[in-house]
C-alpha atoms as a PDB file:
ATOM      1  CA  MET A   1       0.129   0.333   0.120  1.00  0.00           C
ATOM      2  CA  ASN A   2       1.438   3.210  -1.439  1.00  0.00           C
ATOM      3  CA  PRO A   3       1.689   5.326   1.884  1.00  0.00           C
ATOM      4  CA  GLU A   4       0.934   8.665   0.218  1.00  0.00           C
ATOM      5  CA  THR A   5      -2.704   7.098   0.034  1.00  0.00           C
ATOM      6  CA  GLU A   6      -2.783   5.923   3.632  1.00  0.00           C
ATOM      7  CA  GLN A   7      -5.009   8.430   5.910  1.00  0.00           C
ATOM      8  CA  SER A   8      -3.060   9.710   8.882  1.00  0.00           C
ATOM      9  CA  GLN A   9      -5.102   9.565  11.969  1.00  0.00           C
ATOM     10  CA  PRO A  10      -5.558  13.180  13.267  1.00  0.00           C
ATOM     11  CA  GLN A  11      -3.544  13.575  16.726  1.00  0.00           C
ATOM     12  CA  SER A  12      -5.583  14.786  19.301  1.00  0.00           C
ATOM     13  CA  GLU A  13      -3.985  17.852  21.285  1.00  0.00           C
ATOM     14  CA  PRO A  14      -3.666  17.758  24.549  1.00  0.00           C
ATOM     15  CA  ARG A  15      -6.387  19.856  26.595  1.00  0.00           C
ATOM     16  CA  GLU A  16      -5.307  22.427  28.822  1.00  0.00           C
ATOM     17  CA  PRO A  17      -7.294  22.178  32.288  1.00  0.00           C
ATOM     18  CA  MET A  18     -10.221  24.899  32.724  1.00  0.00           C
ATOM     19  CA  LEU A  19      -9.608  27.423  35.464  1.00  0.00           C
ATOM     20  CA  ASP A  20     -13.300  28.743  35.517  1.00  0.00           C
ATOM     21  CA  GLY A  21     -13.914  25.636  37.948  1.00  0.00           C
ATOM     22  CA  VAL A  22     -14.596  22.982  35.124  1.00  0.00           C
ATOM     23  CA  ALA A  23     -11.580  20.361  34.988  1.00  0.00           C
ATOM     24  CA  ASP A  24     -10.606  18.767  31.803  1.00  0.00           C
ATOM     25  CA  HIS A  25     -12.280  14.987  30.858  1.00  0.00           C
ATOM     26  CA  HIS A  26      -9.055  13.178  31.458  1.00  0.00           C
ATOM     27  CA  SER A  27      -8.758  14.717  34.996  1.00  0.00           C
ATOM     28  CA  GLY A  28     -11.874  13.211  36.649  1.00  0.00           C
ATOM     29  CA  PRO A  29     -15.577  14.657  37.208  1.00  0.00           C
ATOM     30  CA  PRO A  30     -16.405  18.493  36.860  1.00  0.00           C
ATOM     31  CA  TYR A  31     -15.636  20.215  40.054  1.00  0.00           C
ATOM     32  CA  ARG A  32     -16.265  23.674  41.416  1.00  0.00           C
ATOM     33  CA  ARG A  33     -14.408  25.563  43.943  1.00  0.00           C
ATOM     34  CA  LYS A  34     -15.816  26.177  46.917  1.00  0.00           C
ATOM     35  CA  ALA A  35     -16.261  29.367  48.856  1.00  0.00           C
ATOM     36  CA  ILE A  36     -17.932  30.942  51.859  1.00  0.00           C
ATOM     37  CA  TYR A  37     -19.791  34.276  52.190  1.00  0.00           C
ATOM     38  CA  LEU A  38     -17.591  36.808  53.573  1.00  0.00           C
ATOM     39  CA  LEU A  39     -19.733  39.350  55.969  1.00  0.00           C
ATOM     40  CA  PRO A  40     -21.811  36.534  58.019  1.00  0.00           C
ATOM     41  CA  ASN A  41     -19.013  34.605  58.528  1.00  0.00           C
ATOM     42  CA  LEU A  42     -16.832  37.263  59.345  1.00  0.00           C
ATOM     43  CA  ILE A  43     -19.309  38.586  62.017  1.00  0.00           C
ATOM     44  CA  THR A  44     -19.271  34.953  63.359  1.00  0.00           C
ATOM     45  CA  THR A  45     -15.393  34.933  63.294  1.00  0.00           C
ATOM     46  CA  GLY A  46     -15.705  38.405  65.542  1.00  0.00           C
ATOM     47  CA  ALA A  47     -17.967  36.468  68.114  1.00  0.00           C
ATOM     48  CA  LEU A  48     -15.266  33.756  68.114  1.00  0.00           C
ATOM     49  CA  PHE A  49     -12.633  35.946  68.664  1.00  0.00           C
ATOM     50  CA  ALA A  50     -14.674  37.998  71.274  1.00  0.00           C
ATOM     51  CA  GLY A  51     -15.044  34.825  73.190  1.00  0.00           C
ATOM     52  CA  PHE A  52     -11.398  34.015  72.952  1.00  0.00           C
ATOM     53  CA  PHE A  53     -10.446  37.510  74.382  1.00  0.00           C
ATOM     54  CA  ALA A  54     -12.569  36.420  77.340  1.00  0.00           C
ATOM     55  CA  ILE A  55     -10.658  33.553  78.338  1.00  0.00           C
ATOM     56  CA  LEU A  56      -7.349  35.620  77.760  1.00  0.00           C
ATOM     57  CA  ARG A  57      -8.711  38.376  80.191  1.00  0.00           C
ATOM     58  CA  ALA A  58      -9.809  35.711  82.452  1.00  0.00           C
ATOM     59  CA  ILE A  59      -6.552  34.497  82.779  1.00  0.00           C
ATOM     60  CA  GLN A  60      -4.955  37.745  83.211  1.00  0.00           C
ATOM     61  CA  GLY A  61      -7.433  38.255  86.021  1.00  0.00           C
ATOM     62  CA  ASP A  62      -9.655  41.276  84.560  1.00  0.00           C
ATOM     63  CA  PHE A  63     -12.844  39.313  85.238  1.00  0.00           C
ATOM     64  CA  GLU A  64     -15.161  42.436  84.508  1.00  0.00           C
ATOM     65  CA  GLN A  65     -13.246  42.828  80.425  1.00  0.00           C
ATOM     66  CA  ALA A  66     -13.788  39.064  80.416  1.00  0.00           C
ATOM     67  CA  ALA A  67     -17.612  39.393  81.082  1.00  0.00           C
ATOM     68  CA  ILE A  68     -18.061  42.234  78.677  1.00  0.00           C
ATOM     69  CA  ALA A  69     -16.323  40.431  75.959  1.00  0.00           C
ATOM     70  CA  VAL A  70     -18.846  37.403  76.218  1.00  0.00           C
ATOM     71  CA  PHE A  71     -21.827  40.222  75.879  1.00  0.00           C
ATOM     72  CA  ILE A  72     -19.841  41.493  72.807  1.00  0.00           C
ATOM     73  CA  ALA A  73     -20.045  37.895  71.428  1.00  0.00           C
ATOM     74  CA  MET A  74     -23.807  37.778  72.123  1.00  0.00           C
ATOM     75  CA  LEU A  75     -24.474  41.005  69.962  1.00  0.00           C
ATOM     76  CA  LEU A  76     -22.346  39.592  67.094  1.00  0.00           C
ATOM     77  CA  ASP A  77     -23.687  36.088  67.630  1.00  0.00           C
ATOM     78  CA  GLY A  78     -27.667  37.618  66.859  1.00  0.00           C
ATOM     79  CA  LEU A  79     -26.461  40.143  63.996  1.00  0.00           C
ATOM     80  CA  ASP A  80     -24.655  37.556  61.816  1.00  0.00           C
ATOM     81  CA  GLY A  81     -27.830  35.510  61.121  1.00  0.00           C
ATOM     82  CA  ARG A  82     -29.866  38.350  60.510  1.00  0.00           C
ATOM     83  CA  VAL A  83     -27.195  39.923  58.204  1.00  0.00           C
ATOM     84  CA  ALA A  84     -27.262  36.405  56.569  1.00  0.00           C
ATOM     85  CA  ARG A  85     -30.957  36.369  56.073  1.00  0.00           C
ATOM     86  CA  MET A  86     -31.167  39.753  55.017  1.00  0.00           C
ATOM     87  CA  THR A  87     -28.668  39.401  52.465  1.00  0.00           C
ATOM     88  CA  GLY A  88     -29.639  36.143  51.322  1.00  0.00           C
ATOM     89  CA  THR A  89     -26.407  34.577  52.186  1.00  0.00           C
ATOM     90  CA  GLN A  90     -27.605  31.658  54.414  1.00  0.00           C
ATOM     91  CA  SER A  91     -25.491  28.304  53.811  1.00  0.00           C
ATOM     92  CA  ALA A  92     -24.961  25.040  55.746  1.00  0.00           C
ATOM     93  CA  PHE A  93     -21.240  26.079  56.379  1.00  0.00           C
ATOM     94  CA  GLY A  94     -22.505  29.400  58.027  1.00  0.00           C
ATOM     95  CA  VAL A  95     -24.942  27.222  60.642  1.00  0.00           C
ATOM     96  CA  GLN A  96     -22.035  24.806  61.602  1.00  0.00           C
ATOM     97  CA  TYR A  97     -19.506  27.715  62.040  1.00  0.00           C
ATOM     98  CA  ASP A  98     -21.853  29.543  63.962  1.00  0.00           C
ATOM     99  CA  SER A  99     -22.802  26.509  66.268  1.00  0.00           C
ATOM    100  CA  LEU A 100     -18.612  25.836  66.897  1.00  0.00           C
ATOM    101  CA  SER A 101     -18.485  29.385  67.786  1.00  0.00           C
ATOM    102  CA  ASP A 102     -21.039  29.472  70.073  1.00  0.00           C
ATOM    103  CA  VAL A 103     -19.422  26.443  71.768  1.00  0.00           C
ATOM    104  CA  ILE A 104     -16.123  28.806  72.375  1.00  0.00           C
ATOM    105  CA  ALA A 105     -17.957  31.743  73.126  1.00  0.00           C
ATOM    106  CA  PHE A 106     -21.002  30.485  75.290  1.00  0.00           C
ATOM    107  CA  GLY A 107     -19.696  27.546  76.824  1.00  0.00           C
ATOM    108  CA  LEU A 108     -16.025  27.460  77.337  1.00  0.00           C
ATOM    109  CA  ALA A 109     -15.440  31.050  78.022  1.00  0.00           C
ATOM    110  CA  PRO A 110     -17.973  31.678  80.487  1.00  0.00           C
ATOM    111  CA  ALA A 111     -16.951  28.225  82.024  1.00  0.00           C
ATOM    112  CA  VAL A 112     -13.252  29.569  82.108  1.00  0.00           C
ATOM    113  CA  VAL A 113     -14.283  33.096  83.421  1.00  0.00           C
ATOM    114  CA  VAL A 114     -16.278  31.618  86.178  1.00  0.00           C
ATOM    115  CA  PHE A 115     -13.907  28.776  87.269  1.00  0.00           C
ATOM    116  CA  LEU A 116     -11.238  31.482  87.259  1.00  0.00           C
ATOM    117  CA  TRP A 117     -13.191  34.238  89.359  1.00  0.00           C
ATOM    118  CA  SER A 118     -14.749  32.142  92.032  1.00  0.00           C
ATOM    119  CA  LEU A 119     -14.899  27.686  91.436  1.00  0.00           C
ATOM    120  CA  TYR A 120     -11.227  27.202  91.729  1.00  0.00           C
ATOM    121  CA  GLY A 121     -11.270  27.784  95.782  1.00  0.00           C
ATOM    122  CA  ILE A 122     -14.024  24.728  96.035  1.00  0.00           C
ATOM    123  CA  GLY A 123     -11.246  22.512  95.059  1.00  0.00           C
ATOM    124  CA  ASP A 124     -10.017  21.288  91.742  1.00  0.00           C
ATOM    125  CA  ARG A 125     -12.422  18.615  91.212  1.00  0.00           C
ATOM    126  CA  TRP A 126     -15.658  20.090  92.378  1.00  0.00           C
ATOM    127  CA  GLY A 127     -14.749  23.635  90.664  1.00  0.00           C
ATOM    128  CA  MET A 128     -13.714  21.774  87.621  1.00  0.00           C
ATOM    129  CA  LEU A 129     -17.138  19.433  87.532  1.00  0.00           C
ATOM    130  CA  GLY A 130     -18.965  22.574  87.822  1.00  0.00           C
ATOM    131  CA  ALA A 131     -17.441  24.556  85.139  1.00  0.00           C
ATOM    132  CA  PHE A 132     -17.116  21.536  82.903  1.00  0.00           C
ATOM    133  CA  VAL A 133     -21.000  20.353  83.475  1.00  0.00           C
ATOM    134  CA  PHE A 134     -21.571  24.022  81.861  1.00  0.00           C
ATOM    135  CA  VAL A 135     -19.151  23.466  78.925  1.00  0.00           C
ATOM    136  CA  ALA A 136     -20.588  19.681  78.203  1.00  0.00           C
ATOM    137  CA  ALA A 137     -24.021  21.365  78.389  1.00  0.00           C
ATOM    138  CA  ALA A 138     -23.810  24.067  76.231  1.00  0.00           C
ATOM    139  CA  ALA A 139     -22.329  21.451  73.387  1.00  0.00           C
ATOM    140  CA  ILE A 140     -24.806  19.230  73.754  1.00  0.00           C
ATOM    141  CA  ARG A 141     -27.588  21.998  73.837  1.00  0.00           C
ATOM    142  CA  LEU A 142     -26.230  23.499  70.516  1.00  0.00           C
ATOM    143  CA  ALA A 143     -26.095  19.711  68.910  1.00  0.00           C
ATOM    144  CA  ARG A 144     -29.528  19.000  69.401  1.00  0.00           C
ATOM    145  CA  PHE A 145     -30.730  22.500  68.268  1.00  0.00           C
ATOM    146  CA  ASN A 146     -28.968  21.966  65.010  1.00  0.00           C
ATOM    147  CA  VAL A 147     -30.517  18.333  64.917  1.00  0.00           C
ATOM    148  CA  GLN A 148     -34.166  19.414  65.513  1.00  0.00           C
ATOM    149  CA  VAL A 149     -33.894  22.966  63.993  1.00  0.00           C
ATOM    150  CA  GLU A 150     -36.203  21.880  61.266  1.00  0.00           C
ATOM    151  CA  THR A 151     -38.881  20.065  63.376  1.00  0.00           C
ATOM    152  CA  VAL A 152     -39.668  22.140  66.523  1.00  0.00           C
ATOM    153  CA  ASP A 153     -41.633  25.354  66.578  1.00  0.00           C
ATOM    154  CA  LYS A 154     -39.437  27.971  66.098  1.00  0.00           C
ATOM    155  CA  ARG A 155     -41.555  30.258  68.394  1.00  0.00           C
ATOM    156  CA  TYR A 156     -39.538  28.264  71.309  1.00  0.00           C
ATOM    157  CA  PHE A 157     -36.380  26.895  72.082  1.00  0.00           C
ATOM    158  CA  VAL A 158     -36.068  23.384  73.715  1.00  0.00           C
ATOM    159  CA  GLY A 159     -33.997  24.341  76.941  1.00  0.00           C
ATOM    160  CA  LEU A 160     -32.576  27.447  77.805  1.00  0.00           C
ATOM    161  CA  ALA A 161     -30.708  28.899  74.759  1.00  0.00           C
ATOM    162  CA  SER A 162     -26.752  29.082  74.956  1.00  0.00           C
ATOM    163  CA  PRO A 163     -26.316  32.811  74.786  1.00  0.00           C
ATOM    164  CA  ALA A 164     -29.004  33.276  77.618  1.00  0.00           C
ATOM    165  CA  ALA A 165     -27.263  30.984  79.817  1.00  0.00           C
ATOM    166  CA  ALA A 166     -23.789  32.769  79.549  1.00  0.00           C
ATOM    167  CA  ALA A 167     -25.574  36.074  80.184  1.00  0.00           C
ATOM    168  CA  VAL A 168     -26.621  34.686  83.514  1.00  0.00           C
ATOM    169  CA  LEU A 169     -22.953  33.912  84.482  1.00  0.00           C
ATOM    170  CA  MET A 170     -21.262  36.744  82.830  1.00  0.00           C
ATOM    171  CA  GLY A 171     -23.990  39.169  83.816  1.00  0.00           C
ATOM    172  CA  MET A 172     -23.464  38.199  87.489  1.00  0.00           C
ATOM    173  CA  VAL A 173     -19.689  38.651  87.158  1.00  0.00           C
ATOM    174  CA  TRP A 174     -19.947  41.946  85.504  1.00  0.00           C
ATOM    175  CA  PHE A 175     -21.997  43.345  88.131  1.00  0.00           C
ATOM    176  CA  PHE A 176     -20.397  42.024  90.988  1.00  0.00           C
ATOM    177  CA  GLU A 177     -16.742  43.078  89.531  1.00  0.00           C
ATOM    178  CA  GLU A 178     -18.132  46.228  88.802  1.00  0.00           C
ATOM    179  CA  GLN A 179     -19.538  47.254  91.969  1.00  0.00           C
ATOM    180  CA  GLN A 180     -16.210  45.554  93.760  1.00  0.00           C
ATOM    181  CA  ILE A 181     -18.542  43.184  95.729  1.00  0.00           C
ATOM    182  CA  PRO A 182     -16.360  40.147  96.697  1.00  0.00           C
ATOM    183  CA  PHE A 183     -19.354  37.506  95.506  1.00  0.00           C
ATOM    184  CA  TYR A 184     -17.098  35.254  94.481  1.00  0.00           C
ATOM    185  CA  GLU A 185     -16.127  34.223  97.728  1.00  0.00           C
ATOM    186  CA  ASN A 186     -19.617  32.515  98.174  1.00  0.00           C
ATOM    187  CA  ILE A 187     -18.257  29.778  96.099  1.00  0.00           C
ATOM    188  CA  GLY A 188     -21.072  27.390  97.020  1.00  0.00           C
ATOM    189  CA  TRP A 189     -23.742  29.826  95.385  1.00  0.00           C
ATOM    190  CA  VAL A 190     -21.316  30.426  92.294  1.00  0.00           C
ATOM    191  CA  TRP A 191     -21.080  26.695  91.559  1.00  0.00           C
ATOM    192  CA  VAL A 192     -25.371  26.030  91.972  1.00  0.00           C
ATOM    193  CA  ILE A 193     -25.921  28.868  89.611  1.00  0.00           C
ATOM    194  CA  THR A 194     -23.205  27.517  87.351  1.00  0.00           C
ATOM    195  CA  VAL A 195     -24.569  23.959  87.174  1.00  0.00           C
ATOM    196  CA  THR A 196     -28.095  24.665  87.418  1.00  0.00           C
ATOM    197  CA  THR A 197     -27.848  27.137  84.256  1.00  0.00           C
ATOM    198  CA  GLY A 198     -26.182  24.520  82.361  1.00  0.00           C
ATOM    199  CA  LEU A 199     -28.857  21.755  83.509  1.00  0.00           C
ATOM    200  CA  LEU A 200     -31.475  24.373  82.089  1.00  0.00           C
ATOM    201  CA  MET A 201     -29.703  23.658  78.982  1.00  0.00           C
ATOM    202  CA  VAL A 202     -30.294  20.475  78.357  1.00  0.00           C
ATOM    203  CA  SER A 203     -33.346  20.356  79.526  1.00  0.00           C
ATOM    204  CA  SER A 204     -36.891  20.133  77.946  1.00  0.00           C
ATOM    205  CA  LEU A 205     -38.312  23.039  79.346  1.00  0.00           C
ATOM    206  CA  PRO A 206     -40.066  25.829  76.323  1.00  0.00           C
ATOM    207  CA  TYR A 207     -38.254  29.260  76.277  1.00  0.00           C
ATOM    208  CA  TYR A 208     -39.924  31.800  74.067  1.00  0.00           C
ATOM    209  CA  SER A 209     -37.250  32.761  71.154  1.00  0.00           C
ATOM    210  CA  PHE A 210     -38.708  36.293  70.558  1.00  0.00           C
ATOM    211  CA  LYS A 211     -38.592  35.099  66.629  1.00  0.00           C
ATOM    212  CA  SER A 212     -42.148  36.349  65.995  1.00  0.00           C
ATOM    213  CA  VAL A 213     -41.467  39.655  67.451  1.00  0.00           C
ATOM    214  CA  SER A 214     -41.718  42.260  64.984  1.00  0.00           C
ATOM    215  CA  PRO A 215     -42.725  46.083  64.651  1.00  0.00           C
ATOM    216  CA  ARG A 216     -46.235  45.499  64.287  1.00  0.00           C
ATOM    217  CA  LEU A 217     -46.639  43.332  67.214  1.00  0.00           C
ATOM    218  CA  ARG A 218     -49.318  44.732  69.503  1.00  0.00           C
ATOM    219  CA  VAL A 219     -48.345  44.481  73.398  1.00  0.00           C
ATOM    220  CA  SER A 220     -50.715  45.518  76.559  1.00  0.00           C
ATOM    221  CA  PHE A 221     -50.555  48.959  77.977  1.00  0.00           C
ATOM    222  CA  LEU A 222     -48.698  47.163  80.723  1.00  0.00           C
ATOM    223  CA  SER A 223     -45.707  46.820  78.991  1.00  0.00           C
ATOM    224  CA  VAL A 224     -44.976  50.624  78.025  1.00  0.00           C
ATOM    225  CA  PRO A 225     -43.921  51.264  82.004  1.00  0.00           C
ATOM    226  CA  ILE A 226     -42.209  48.242  82.514  1.00  0.00           C
ATOM    227  CA  LEU A 227     -39.869  49.017  79.103  1.00  0.00           C
ATOM    228  CA  ILE A 228     -39.892  52.423  80.626  1.00  0.00           C
ATOM    229  CA  LEU A 229     -38.476  51.038  84.264  1.00  0.00           C
ATOM    230  CA  VAL A 230     -36.058  48.666  82.389  1.00  0.00           C
ATOM    231  CA  PHE A 231     -34.497  51.542  79.889  1.00  0.00           C
ATOM    232  CA  VAL A 232     -34.366  53.596  83.371  1.00  0.00           C
ATOM    233  CA  LEU A 233     -32.432  51.182  85.303  1.00  0.00           C
ATOM    234  CA  ALA A 234     -30.021  50.409  82.286  1.00  0.00           C
ATOM    235  CA  LEU A 235     -29.351  54.089  82.380  1.00  0.00           C
ATOM    236  CA  LYS A 236     -28.410  53.760  85.924  1.00  0.00           C
ATOM    237  CA  ASP A 237     -26.890  50.384  86.286  1.00  0.00           C
ATOM    238  CA  PHE A 238     -26.530  48.251  82.906  1.00  0.00           C
ATOM    239  CA  ALA A 239     -24.701  45.432  83.894  1.00  0.00           C
ATOM    240  CA  LEU A 240     -27.192  44.604  86.828  1.00  0.00           C
ATOM    241  CA  THR A 241     -30.018  45.368  84.129  1.00  0.00           C
ATOM    242  CA  LEU A 242     -28.259  42.848  81.805  1.00  0.00           C
ATOM    243  CA  TRP A 243     -27.946  40.117  84.813  1.00  0.00           C
ATOM    244  CA  LEU A 244     -31.404  40.695  85.916  1.00  0.00           C
ATOM    245  CA  LEU A 245     -33.297  40.498  82.465  1.00  0.00           C
ATOM    246  CA  ALA A 246     -30.942  36.768  81.915  1.00  0.00           C
ATOM    247  CA  VAL A 247     -31.980  35.588  85.311  1.00  0.00           C
ATOM    248  CA  ILE A 248     -35.813  36.621  84.785  1.00  0.00           C
ATOM    249  CA  TYR A 249     -35.514  34.665  81.185  1.00  0.00           C
ATOM    250  CA  ALA A 250     -33.641  31.933  82.571  1.00  0.00           C
ATOM    251  CA  LEU A 251     -36.317  31.300  85.199  1.00  0.00           C
ATOM    252  CA  SER A 252     -39.180  32.022  83.340  1.00  0.00           C
ATOM    253  CA  SER A 253     -40.011  28.625  81.845  1.00  0.00           C
ATOM    254  CA  PRO A 254     -39.467  26.762  85.318  1.00  0.00           C
ATOM    255  CA  VAL A 255     -41.788  29.091  87.009  1.00  0.00           C
ATOM    256  CA  TRP A 256     -44.591  29.196  84.119  1.00  0.00           C
ATOM    257  CA  ILE A 257     -44.414  25.463  84.105  1.00  0.00           C
ATOM    258  CA  LEU A 258     -44.687  25.199  88.131  1.00  0.00           C
ATOM    259  CA  GLY A 259     -47.414  27.522  88.209  1.00  0.00           C
ATOM    260  CA  ARG A 260     -49.456  25.809  85.438  1.00  0.00           C
ATOM    261  CA  ARG A 261     -49.147  22.401  87.424  1.00  0.00           C
ATOM    262  CA  LEU A 262     -49.832  24.268  90.915  1.00  0.00           C
ATOM    263  CA  ALA A 263     -52.962  25.751  89.024  1.00  0.00           C
ATOM    264  CA  ARG A 264     -53.957  22.404  87.909  1.00  0.00           C
ATOM    265  CA  LEU A 265     -53.595  20.918  91.411  1.00  0.00           C
ATOM    266  CA  LEU A 266     -55.871  23.632  93.082  1.00  0.00           C
ATOM    267  CA  PHE A 267     -58.200  23.263  90.565  1.00  0.00           C
ATOM    268  CA  HIS A 268     -58.846  19.580  90.652  1.00  0.00           C
ATOM    269  CA  ARG A 269     -59.076  19.951  94.327  1.00  0.00           C
ATOM    270  CA  GLN A 270     -61.522  22.438  94.286  1.00  0.00           C
ATOM    271  CA  GLY A 271     -63.509  19.952  91.936  1.00  0.00           C
END
């Protein structure tokens, strides 16, 4: 056969991998580069840093600044979710990152602050146990929230939310440190408050989530003087106001459940 009449097979040139997120056919299936939304995750990182900063300040003995840092983390934690919803930048990564940040800012940081502030004086084992109960409860609470987020009534939290639990402890530290009252010497009471707050986080008690609150919400006339009273008290003593609000919220569900049971018991006795 004449080689001149023989048709040569076209040789395929090697393809360069595309850099716009799609790979070539020889290197495997198509892929896209992963990315995260900057703004909401940046706010979450700020909350995480605030919790980390609180731990550092507690180690250095500045407990008032440590407590304030945790409250700043609460502000940022409430902001990141709203920013994500307003800008349409919600993601599964953001949900998981927010939960990990909450474990540090509202679980580990408050426990370390309270331990170094007071609980270490009760003895290494009991003080460490009380602080660890709070940390473990915060982690369990957040894990349960992630699992049940699509199945529970969004108007209520199941168990005390971790930011509110942290507010109970950090409000206590902030107020007594600001007033220079040595409440940290009452180690037994601090231990009971820490453990009880932790147990409320993993309880099944319903807590109002305030997610249904809107500018169009109608309230009774009694709410106006109450809000004025809270505002005046906050102007006079901001730390005390935050602590009282956190304690009232933490006790609201147990008191409500207990009140209903007592009323039902009295009703059956009268009947």
